[in-house]
Amino acid sequence: MEVPSGVSYDSLYGRCGAYFESLPDVRTQNSSARLRDYLVGAMGLFALKSTDLKRFGKSKPSSSQ
């Protein structure tokens, strides 16, 4: 499978991790894990559940009720 230049999981992980790091953490100060760790974990679970983001967007039911 050919990957477009500049697009890889590592680059996506790095960019998302940097963004998650910039988010304010409003939880109590005695939290055992960083917010970034939770968000990166959620990103990994999403990637395992739906590997194709375009297909995920098309599979969502429309709310035209």
C-alpha atoms as a PDB file:
ATOM      1  CA  MET A   1       0.000   0.000   0.000  1.00  0.00           C
ATOM      2  CA  GLU A   2       1.447   3.340  -1.005  1.00  0.00           C
ATOM      3  CA  VAL A   3       1.319   6.135   1.558  1.00  0.00           C
ATOM      4  CA  PRO A   4       1.131   9.761   0.340  1.00  0.00           C
ATOM      5  CA  SER A   5       4.238  11.743   1.228  1.00  0.00           C
ATOM      6  CA  GLY A   6       4.074  13.444   4.602  1.00  0.00           C
ATOM      7  CA  VAL A   7       1.204  11.269   5.838  1.00  0.00           C
ATOM      8  CA  SER A   8       1.962   8.541   8.355  1.00  0.00           C
ATOM      9  CA  TYR A   9       0.682   7.324  11.681  1.00  0.00           C
ATOM     10  CA  ASP A  10       3.804   8.637  13.388  1.00  0.00           C
ATOM     11  CA  SER A  11       3.304  12.156  12.036  1.00  0.00           C
ATOM     12  CA  LEU A  12      -0.404  12.081  12.934  1.00  0.00           C
ATOM     13  CA  TYR A  13       0.405  10.785  16.417  1.00  0.00           C
ATOM     14  CA  GLY A  14       2.964  13.543  16.916  1.00  0.00           C
ATOM     15  CA  ARG A  15       0.680  16.333  15.724  1.00  0.00           C
ATOM     16  CA  CYS A  16      -2.309  15.106  17.739  1.00  0.00           C
ATOM     17  CA  GLY A  17      -0.120  14.566  20.806  1.00  0.00           C
ATOM     18  CA  ALA A  18       1.170  18.140  20.573  1.00  0.00           C
ATOM     19  CA  TYR A  19      -2.400  19.434  20.234  1.00  0.00           C
ATOM     20  CA  PHE A  20      -3.608  17.325  23.162  1.00  0.00           C
ATOM     21  CA  GLU A  21      -0.701  18.632  25.252  1.00  0.00           C
ATOM     22  CA  SER A  22      -1.866  22.213  24.598  1.00  0.00           C
ATOM     23  CA  LEU A  23      -5.386  21.586  25.944  1.00  0.00           C
ATOM     24  CA  PRO A  24      -6.026  22.866  29.468  1.00  0.00           C
ATOM     25  CA  ASP A  25      -6.443  20.125  32.063  1.00  0.00           C
ATOM     26  CA  VAL A  26      -9.185  21.196  34.482  1.00  0.00           C
ATOM     27  CA  ARG A  27      -9.198  17.968  36.475  1.00  0.00           C
ATOM     28  CA  THR A  28      -7.990  17.848  40.069  1.00  0.00           C
ATOM     29  CA  GLN A  29      -4.251  18.203  40.559  1.00  0.00           C
ATOM     30  CA  ASN A  30      -3.883  14.709  42.023  1.00  0.00           C
ATOM     31  CA  SER A  31      -4.753  12.978  38.718  1.00  0.00           C
ATOM     32  CA  SER A  32      -2.590   9.921  38.206  1.00  0.00           C
ATOM     33  CA  ALA A  33      -2.253  10.296  34.410  1.00  0.00           C
ATOM     34  CA  ARG A  34      -1.927  13.228  32.064  1.00  0.00           C
ATOM     35  CA  LEU A  35      -4.914  14.276  29.978  1.00  0.00           C
ATOM     36  CA  ARG A  36      -2.768  13.787  26.855  1.00  0.00           C
ATOM     37  CA  ASP A  37      -2.356  10.087  27.737  1.00  0.00           C
ATOM     38  CA  TYR A  38      -6.119   9.575  27.935  1.00  0.00           C
ATOM     39  CA  LEU A  39      -6.737  11.390  24.655  1.00  0.00           C
ATOM     40  CA  VAL A  40      -3.982   9.523  22.794  1.00  0.00           C
ATOM     41  CA  GLY A  41      -5.468   6.262  24.121  1.00  0.00           C
ATOM     42  CA  ALA A  42      -8.903   7.265  22.834  1.00  0.00           C
ATOM     43  CA  MET A  43      -7.346   8.105  19.466  1.00  0.00           C
ATOM     44  CA  GLY A  44      -5.809   4.616  19.368  1.00  0.00           C
ATOM     45  CA  LEU A  45      -9.129   2.952  20.203  1.00  0.00           C
ATOM     46  CA  PHE A  46     -10.849   4.953  17.475  1.00  0.00           C
ATOM     47  CA  ALA A  47      -8.135   3.944  14.983  1.00  0.00           C
ATOM     48  CA  LEU A  48      -8.679   0.270  15.854  1.00  0.00           C
ATOM     49  CA  LYS A  49     -12.461   0.580  15.562  1.00  0.00           C
ATOM     50  CA  SER A  50     -12.584   2.570  12.339  1.00  0.00           C
ATOM     51  CA  THR A  51      -9.349   2.542  10.358  1.00  0.00           C
ATOM     52  CA  ASP A  52     -10.756   4.625   7.516  1.00  0.00           C
ATOM     53  CA  LEU A  53     -11.915   8.079   8.611  1.00  0.00           C
ATOM     54  CA  LYS A  54     -13.622   8.764   5.270  1.00  0.00           C
ATOM     55  CA  ARG A  55     -15.656   5.576   5.557  1.00  0.00           C
ATOM     56  CA  PHE A  56     -16.548   6.468   9.168  1.00  0.00           C
ATOM     57  CA  GLY A  57     -17.928   9.848   8.049  1.00  0.00           C
ATOM     58  CA  LYS A  58     -20.053   8.225   5.344  1.00  0.00           C
ATOM     59  CA  SER A  59     -21.433   5.549   7.681  1.00  0.00           C
ATOM     60  CA  LYS A  60     -22.907   8.044  10.145  1.00  0.00           C
ATOM     61  CA  PRO A  61     -26.700   8.260   9.775  1.00  0.00           C
ATOM     62  CA  SER A  62     -27.969  11.641   8.650  1.00  0.00           C
ATOM     63  CA  SER A  63     -30.189  13.543  11.076  1.00  0.00           C
ATOM     64  CA  SER A  64     -32.753  14.799   8.546  1.00  0.00           C
ATOM     65  CA  GLN A  65     -35.812  14.127  10.701  1.00  0.00           C
END
